[in-house]
Amino acid sequence: MARGAESKPVAEKQERASPSPKNASEEEAALIFRRRKLELSRKDVERRLETAQAKPHREMLRRALAALDEELASLG
């Protein structure tokens, strides 16, 4: 068996499993990228909120989380 041949089915399965900018129009790809970026930002803010101790900092993070949720909801 050729080197790397085992990984080809795995890569094909991953492509089918999630929307990929390769298979989308430019506009769809931009939307996918934006959604992923917002989701990662949201996870980061959640993580920081778990460890934040100062009340003003926690409040700022909660507002940031709400803003990210609004943006994600507006994307559909």
PDB file of N, CA and C in Angstrom:
ATOM      1  N   MET A   1       0.848  -1.174   0.000  1.00  0.00           N
ATOM      2  CA  MET A   1       0.000   0.000   0.000  1.00  0.00           C
ATOM      3  C   MET A   1       0.892   1.235   0.000  1.00  0.00           C
ATOM      4  N   ALA A   2       0.500   2.227  -0.754  1.00  0.00           N
ATOM      5  CA  ALA A   2       1.286   3.450  -0.850  1.00  0.00           C
ATOM      6  C   ALA A   2       1.214   4.233   0.453  1.00  0.00           C
ATOM      7  N   ARG A   3       2.273   4.983   0.692  1.00  0.00           N
ATOM      8  CA  ARG A   3       2.302   5.819   1.890  1.00  0.00           C
ATOM      9  C   ARG A   3       1.186   6.853   1.843  1.00  0.00           C
ATOM     10  N   GLY A   4       0.492   7.003   2.949  1.00  0.00           N
ATOM     11  CA  GLY A   4      -0.562   8.006   3.021  1.00  0.00           C
ATOM     12  C   GLY A   4      -1.903   7.549   2.485  1.00  0.00           C
ATOM     13  N   ALA A   5      -1.958   6.376   1.895  1.00  0.00           N
ATOM     14  CA  ALA A   5      -3.202   5.884   1.317  1.00  0.00           C
ATOM     15  C   ALA A   5      -4.255   5.637   2.397  1.00  0.00           C
ATOM     16  N   GLU A   6      -3.798   5.307   3.601  1.00  0.00           N
ATOM     17  CA  GLU A   6      -4.741   5.049   4.685  1.00  0.00           C
ATOM     18  C   GLU A   6      -5.450   6.322   5.128  1.00  0.00           C
ATOM     19  N   SER A   7      -4.810   7.461   4.980  1.00  0.00           N
ATOM     20  CA  SER A   7      -5.399   8.705   5.462  1.00  0.00           C
ATOM     21  C   SER A   7      -6.407   9.297   4.480  1.00  0.00           C
ATOM     22  N   LYS A   8      -6.414   8.839   3.245  1.00  0.00           N
ATOM     23  CA  LYS A   8      -7.341   9.396   2.259  1.00  0.00           C
ATOM     24  C   LYS A   8      -8.806   9.189   2.643  1.00  0.00           C
ATOM     25  N   PRO A   9      -9.225   7.985   3.047  1.00  0.00           N
ATOM     26  CA  PRO A   9     -10.630   7.821   3.452  1.00  0.00           C
ATOM     27  C   PRO A   9     -10.993   8.703   4.647  1.00  0.00           C
ATOM     28  N   VAL A  10     -10.065   8.905   5.558  1.00  0.00           N
ATOM     29  CA  VAL A  10     -10.323   9.748   6.725  1.00  0.00           C
ATOM     30  C   VAL A  10     -10.550  11.187   6.273  1.00  0.00           C
ATOM     31  N   ALA A  11      -9.715  11.676   5.393  1.00  0.00           N
ATOM     32  CA  ALA A  11      -9.852  13.051   4.897  1.00  0.00           C
ATOM     33  C   ALA A  11     -11.160  13.230   4.138  1.00  0.00           C
ATOM     34  N   GLU A  12     -11.532  12.246   3.345  1.00  0.00           N
ATOM     35  CA  GLU A  12     -12.795  12.330   2.602  1.00  0.00           C
ATOM     36  C   GLU A  12     -13.983  12.342   3.556  1.00  0.00           C
ATOM     37  N   LYS A  13     -13.915  11.533   4.596  1.00  0.00           N
ATOM     38  CA  LYS A  13     -14.998  11.486   5.580  1.00  0.00           C
ATOM     39  C   LYS A  13     -15.123  12.828   6.296  1.00  0.00           C
ATOM     40  N   GLN A  14     -14.012  13.450   6.634  1.00  0.00           N
ATOM     41  CA  GLN A  14     -14.036  14.745   7.313  1.00  0.00           C
ATOM     42  C   GLN A  14     -14.614  15.827   6.403  1.00  0.00           C
ATOM     43  N   GLU A  15     -14.299  15.780   5.124  1.00  0.00           N
ATOM     44  CA  GLU A  15     -14.835  16.766   4.183  1.00  0.00           C
ATOM     45  C   GLU A  15     -16.344  16.670   4.093  1.00  0.00           C
ATOM     46  N   ARG A  16     -16.862  15.450   4.079  1.00  0.00           N
ATOM     47  CA  ARG A  16     -18.312  15.267   3.986  1.00  0.00           C
ATOM     48  C   ARG A  16     -19.004  15.633   5.290  1.00  0.00           C
ATOM     49  N   ALA A  17     -18.325  15.489   6.423  1.00  0.00           N
ATOM     50  CA  ALA A  17     -18.940  15.689   7.734  1.00  0.00           C
ATOM     51  C   ALA A  17     -19.202  17.145   8.069  1.00  0.00           C
ATOM     52  N   SER A  18     -18.361  18.047   7.623  1.00  0.00           N
ATOM     53  CA  SER A  18     -18.550  19.453   7.982  1.00  0.00           C
ATOM     54  C   SER A  18     -18.546  20.312   6.732  1.00  0.00           C
ATOM     55  N   PRO A  19     -19.304  21.415   6.781  1.00  0.00           N
ATOM     56  CA  PRO A  19     -19.304  22.306   5.625  1.00  0.00           C
ATOM     57  C   PRO A  19     -17.900  22.857   5.400  1.00  0.00           C
ATOM     58  N   SER A  20     -17.484  22.866   4.189  1.00  0.00           N
ATOM     59  CA  SER A  20     -16.133  23.286   3.872  1.00  0.00           C
ATOM     60  C   SER A  20     -16.145  24.428   2.872  1.00  0.00           C
ATOM     61  N   PRO A  21     -15.302  25.427   3.099  1.00  0.00           N
ATOM     62  CA  PRO A  21     -15.217  26.506   2.124  1.00  0.00           C
ATOM     63  C   PRO A  21     -14.831  26.028   0.727  1.00  0.00           C
ATOM     64  N   LYS A  22     -14.181  24.858   0.628  1.00  0.00           N
ATOM     65  CA  LYS A  22     -13.810  24.330  -0.688  1.00  0.00           C
ATOM     66  C   LYS A  22     -15.045  23.983  -1.520  1.00  0.00           C
ATOM     67  N   ASN A  23     -16.112  23.572  -0.839  1.00  0.00           N
ATOM     68  CA  ASN A  23     -17.317  23.123  -1.527  1.00  0.00           C
ATOM     69  C   ASN A  23     -18.394  24.200  -1.591  1.00  0.00           C
ATOM     70  N   ALA A  24     -18.072  25.413  -1.224  1.00  0.00           N
ATOM     71  CA  ALA A  24     -19.070  26.473  -1.131  1.00  0.00           C
ATOM     72  C   ALA A  24     -18.677  27.661  -2.003  1.00  0.00           C
ATOM     73  N   SER A  25     -19.668  28.501  -2.266  1.00  0.00           N
ATOM     74  CA  SER A  25     -19.380  29.731  -2.988  1.00  0.00           C
ATOM     75  C   SER A  25     -18.579  30.641  -2.062  1.00  0.00           C
ATOM     76  N   GLU A  26     -18.068  31.725  -2.625  1.00  0.00           N
ATOM     77  CA  GLU A  26     -17.281  32.665  -1.816  1.00  0.00           C
ATOM     78  C   GLU A  26     -18.109  33.234  -0.673  1.00  0.00           C
ATOM     79  N   GLU A  27     -19.349  33.568  -0.953  1.00  0.00           N
ATOM     80  CA  GLU A  27     -20.223  34.137   0.072  1.00  0.00           C
ATOM     81  C   GLU A  27     -20.505  33.125   1.183  1.00  0.00           C
ATOM     82  N   GLU A  28     -20.788  31.882   0.797  1.00  0.00           N
ATOM     83  CA  GLU A  28     -21.030  30.830   1.787  1.00  0.00           C
ATOM     84  C   GLU A  28     -19.780  30.559   2.610  1.00  0.00           C
ATOM     85  N   ALA A  29     -18.628  30.573   1.953  1.00  0.00           N
ATOM     86  CA  ALA A  29     -17.371  30.330   2.647  1.00  0.00           C
ATOM     87  C   ALA A  29     -17.107  31.436   3.671  1.00  0.00           C
ATOM     88  N   ALA A  30     -17.395  32.672   3.309  1.00  0.00           N
ATOM     89  CA  ALA A  30     -17.210  33.782   4.237  1.00  0.00           C
ATOM     90  C   ALA A  30     -18.139  33.640   5.441  1.00  0.00           C
ATOM     91  N   LEU A  31     -19.366  33.201   5.194  1.00  0.00           N
ATOM     92  CA  LEU A  31     -20.328  33.006   6.272  1.00  0.00           C
ATOM     93  C   LEU A  31     -19.882  31.882   7.202  1.00  0.00           C
ATOM     94  N   ILE A  32     -19.401  30.796   6.634  1.00  0.00           N
ATOM     95  CA  ILE A  32     -18.893  29.667   7.422  1.00  0.00           C
ATOM     96  C   ILE A  32     -17.714  30.116   8.274  1.00  0.00           C
ATOM     97  N   PHE A  33     -16.793  30.859   7.661  1.00  0.00           N
ATOM     98  CA  PHE A  33     -15.616  31.349   8.373  1.00  0.00           C
ATOM     99  C   PHE A  33     -16.034  32.266   9.516  1.00  0.00           C
ATOM    100  N   ARG A  34     -16.964  33.171   9.252  1.00  0.00           N
ATOM    101  CA  ARG A  34     -17.425  34.120  10.276  1.00  0.00           C
ATOM    102  C   ARG A  34     -18.075  33.381  11.443  1.00  0.00           C
ATOM    103  N   ARG A  35     -18.922  32.398  11.134  1.00  0.00           N
ATOM    104  CA  ARG A  35     -19.578  31.619  12.189  1.00  0.00           C
ATOM    105  C   ARG A  35     -18.540  30.891  13.043  1.00  0.00           C
ATOM    106  N   ARG A  36     -17.580  30.253  12.405  1.00  0.00           N
ATOM    107  CA  ARG A  36     -16.547  29.524  13.155  1.00  0.00           C
ATOM    108  C   ARG A  36     -15.751  30.474  14.049  1.00  0.00           C
ATOM    109  N   LYS A  37     -15.436  31.644  13.503  1.00  0.00           N
ATOM    110  CA  LYS A  37     -14.684  32.635  14.268  1.00  0.00           C
ATOM    111  C   LYS A  37     -15.477  33.092  15.494  1.00  0.00           C
ATOM    112  N   LEU A  38     -16.772  33.353  15.320  1.00  0.00           N
ATOM    113  CA  LEU A  38     -17.626  33.764  16.432  1.00  0.00           C
ATOM    114  C   LEU A  38     -17.760  32.654  17.472  1.00  0.00           C
ATOM    115  N   GLU A  39     -17.892  31.415  17.002  1.00  0.00           N
ATOM    116  CA  GLU A  39     -18.011  30.291  17.934  1.00  0.00           C
ATOM    117  C   GLU A  39     -16.743  30.123  18.768  1.00  0.00           C
ATOM    118  N   LEU A  40     -15.591  30.281  18.131  1.00  0.00           N
ATOM    119  CA  LEU A  40     -14.327  30.192  18.867  1.00  0.00           C
ATOM    120  C   LEU A  40     -14.184  31.347  19.853  1.00  0.00           C
ATOM    121  N   SER A  41     -14.594  32.527  19.438  1.00  0.00           N
ATOM    122  CA  SER A  41     -14.546  33.683  20.335  1.00  0.00           C
ATOM    123  C   SER A  41     -15.444  33.448  21.539  1.00  0.00           C
ATOM    124  N   ARG A  42     -16.612  32.894  21.284  1.00  0.00           N
ATOM    125  CA  ARG A  42     -17.560  32.630  22.370  1.00  0.00           C
ATOM    126  C   ARG A  42     -16.972  31.634  23.373  1.00  0.00           C
ATOM    127  N   LYS A  43     -16.342  30.579  22.872  1.00  0.00           N
ATOM    128  CA  LYS A  43     -15.718  29.599  23.756  1.00  0.00           C
ATOM    129  C   LYS A  43     -14.617  30.246  24.598  1.00  0.00           C
ATOM    130  N   ASP A  44     -13.852  31.130  23.976  1.00  0.00           N
ATOM    131  CA  ASP A  44     -12.780  31.816  24.690  1.00  0.00           C
ATOM    132  C   ASP A  44     -13.342  32.697  25.805  1.00  0.00           C
ATOM    133  N   VAL A  45     -14.402  33.437  25.510  1.00  0.00           N
ATOM    134  CA  VAL A  45     -15.014  34.304  26.514  1.00  0.00           C
ATOM    135  C   VAL A  45     -15.600  33.464  27.646  1.00  0.00           C
ATOM    136  N   GLU A  46     -16.246  32.351  27.321  1.00  0.00           N
ATOM    137  CA  GLU A  46     -16.780  31.459  28.359  1.00  0.00           C
ATOM    138  C   GLU A  46     -15.668  30.957  29.273  1.00  0.00           C
ATOM    139  N   ARG A  47     -14.562  30.568  28.674  1.00  0.00           N
ATOM    140  CA  ARG A  47     -13.419  30.058  29.450  1.00  0.00           C
ATOM    141  C   ARG A  47     -12.886  31.140  30.385  1.00  0.00           C
ATOM    142  N   ARG A  48     -12.751  32.364  29.867  1.00  0.00           N
ATOM    143  CA  ARG A  48     -12.248  33.459  30.696  1.00  0.00           C
ATOM    144  C   ARG A  48     -13.240  33.831  31.801  1.00  0.00           C
ATOM    145  N   LEU A  49     -14.533  33.719  31.513  1.00  0.00           N
ATOM    146  CA  LEU A  49     -15.557  34.028  32.506  1.00  0.00           C
ATOM    147  C   LEU A  49     -15.494  33.051  33.680  1.00  0.00           C
ATOM    148  N   GLU A  50     -15.149  31.807  33.403  1.00  0.00           N
ATOM    149  CA  GLU A  50     -15.047  30.795  34.458  1.00  0.00           C
ATOM    150  C   GLU A  50     -13.971  31.144  35.480  1.00  0.00           C
ATOM    151  N   THR A  51     -12.914  31.811  35.035  1.00  0.00           N
ATOM    152  CA  THR A  51     -11.796  32.088  35.934  1.00  0.00           C
ATOM    153  C   THR A  51     -11.741  33.540  36.407  1.00  0.00           C
ATOM    154  N   ALA A  52     -12.540  34.404  35.823  1.00  0.00           N
ATOM    155  CA  ALA A  52     -12.523  35.819  36.202  1.00  0.00           C
ATOM    156  C   ALA A  52     -13.016  35.987  37.631  1.00  0.00           C
ATOM    157  N   GLN A  53     -12.358  36.879  38.376  1.00  0.00           N
ATOM    158  CA  GLN A  53     -12.729  37.066  39.771  1.00  0.00           C
ATOM    159  C   GLN A  53     -13.267  38.465  40.042  1.00  0.00           C
ATOM    160  N   ALA A  54     -12.759  39.465  39.360  1.00  0.00           N
ATOM    161  CA  ALA A  54     -13.209  40.833  39.603  1.00  0.00           C
ATOM    162  C   ALA A  54     -14.604  41.029  39.011  1.00  0.00           C
ATOM    163  N   LYS A  55     -15.486  41.604  39.793  1.00  0.00           N
ATOM    164  CA  LYS A  55     -16.875  41.775  39.373  1.00  0.00           C
ATOM    165  C   LYS A  55     -17.001  42.588  38.075  1.00  0.00           C
ATOM    166  N   PRO A  56     -16.286  43.722  37.931  1.00  0.00           N
ATOM    167  CA  PRO A  56     -16.391  44.473  36.664  1.00  0.00           C
ATOM    168  C   PRO A  56     -15.912  43.663  35.449  1.00  0.00           C
ATOM    169  N   HIS A  57     -14.883  42.879  35.666  1.00  0.00           N
ATOM    170  CA  HIS A  57     -14.359  42.051  34.583  1.00  0.00           C
ATOM    171  C   HIS A  57     -15.373  40.982  34.182  1.00  0.00           C
ATOM    172  N   ARG A  58     -15.995  40.356  35.172  1.00  0.00           N
ATOM    173  CA  ARG A  58     -17.024  39.343  34.905  1.00  0.00           C
ATOM    174  C   ARG A  58     -18.203  39.954  34.151  1.00  0.00           C
ATOM    175  N   GLU A  59     -18.599  41.157  34.540  1.00  0.00           N
ATOM    176  CA  GLU A  59     -19.713  41.830  33.870  1.00  0.00           C
ATOM    177  C   GLU A  59     -19.362  42.151  32.418  1.00  0.00           C
ATOM    178  N   MET A  60     -18.144  42.601  32.189  1.00  0.00           N
ATOM    179  CA  MET A  60     -17.693  42.891  30.825  1.00  0.00           C
ATOM    180  C   MET A  60     -17.718  41.620  29.976  1.00  0.00           C
ATOM    181  N   LEU A  61     -17.289  40.518  30.546  1.00  0.00           N
ATOM    182  CA  LEU A  61     -17.287  39.242  29.824  1.00  0.00           C
ATOM    183  C   LEU A  61     -18.712  38.763  29.542  1.00  0.00           C
ATOM    184  N   ARG A  62     -19.621  38.979  30.479  1.00  0.00           N
ATOM    185  CA  ARG A  62     -21.025  38.605  30.242  1.00  0.00           C
ATOM    186  C   ARG A  62     -21.617  39.416  29.091  1.00  0.00           C
ATOM    187  N   ARG A  63     -21.294  40.713  29.042  1.00  0.00           N
ATOM    188  CA  ARG A  63     -21.786  41.547  27.936  1.00  0.00           C
ATOM    189  C   ARG A  63     -21.181  41.089  26.608  1.00  0.00           C
ATOM    190  N   ALA A  64     -19.908  40.724  26.629  1.00  0.00           N
ATOM    191  CA  ALA A  64     -19.256  40.224  25.415  1.00  0.00           C
ATOM    192  C   ALA A  64     -19.917  38.930  24.949  1.00  0.00           C
ATOM    193  N   LEU A  65     -20.251  38.062  25.892  1.00  0.00           N
ATOM    194  CA  LEU A  65     -20.918  36.805  25.578  1.00  0.00           C
ATOM    195  C   LEU A  65     -22.294  37.067  24.961  1.00  0.00           C
ATOM    196  N   ALA A  66     -23.027  38.010  25.522  1.00  0.00           N
ATOM    197  CA  ALA A  66     -24.351  38.357  24.986  1.00  0.00           C
ATOM    198  C   ALA A  66     -24.235  38.914  23.570  1.00  0.00           C
ATOM    199  N   ALA A  67     -23.230  39.742  23.338  1.00  0.00           N
ATOM    200  CA  ALA A  67     -23.027  40.317  22.001  1.00  0.00           C
ATOM    201  C   ALA A  67     -22.687  39.224  20.989  1.00  0.00           C
ATOM    202  N   LEU A  68     -21.848  38.284  21.383  1.00  0.00           N
ATOM    203  CA  LEU A  68     -21.497  37.175  20.492  1.00  0.00           C
ATOM    204  C   LEU A  68     -22.724  36.312  20.198  1.00  0.00           C
ATOM    205  N   ASP A  69     -23.543  36.072  21.219  1.00  0.00           N
ATOM    206  CA  ASP A  69     -24.769  35.291  21.021  1.00  0.00           C
ATOM    207  C   ASP A  69     -25.703  35.991  20.025  1.00  0.00           C
ATOM    208  N   GLU A  70     -25.808  37.311  20.138  1.00  0.00           N
ATOM    209  CA  GLU A  70     -26.642  38.077  19.204  1.00  0.00           C
ATOM    210  C   GLU A  70     -26.128  37.944  17.774  1.00  0.00           C
ATOM    211  N   GLU A  71     -24.824  38.077  17.613  1.00  0.00           N
ATOM    212  CA  GLU A  71     -24.239  37.964  16.260  1.00  0.00           C
ATOM    213  C   GLU A  71     -24.456  36.568  15.686  1.00  0.00           C
ATOM    214  N   LEU A  72     -24.255  35.547  16.509  1.00  0.00           N
ATOM    215  CA  LEU A  72     -24.474  34.174  16.039  1.00  0.00           C
ATOM    216  C   LEU A  72     -25.940  33.965  15.652  1.00  0.00           C
ATOM    217  N   ALA A  73     -26.853  34.510  16.440  1.00  0.00           N
ATOM    218  CA  ALA A  73     -28.286  34.372  16.137  1.00  0.00           C
ATOM    219  C   ALA A  73     -28.639  35.085  14.833  1.00  0.00           C
ATOM    220  N   SER A  74     -28.006  36.206  14.583  1.00  0.00           N
ATOM    221  CA  SER A  74     -28.298  36.961  13.361  1.00  0.00           C
ATOM    222  C   SER A  74     -27.802  36.234  12.109  1.00  0.00           C
ATOM    223  N   LEU A  75     -26.813  35.361  12.272  1.00  0.00           N
ATOM    224  CA  LEU A  75     -26.314  34.586  11.129  1.00  0.00           C
ATOM    225  C   LEU A  75     -27.270  33.458  10.762  1.00  0.00           C
ATOM    226  N   GLY A  76     -28.144  33.111  11.682  1.00  0.00           N
ATOM    227  CA  GLY A  76     -29.133  32.080  11.404  1.00  0.00           C
ATOM    228  C   GLY A  76     -28.773  30.727  11.891  1.00  0.00           C
TER     229      GLY A  76
END
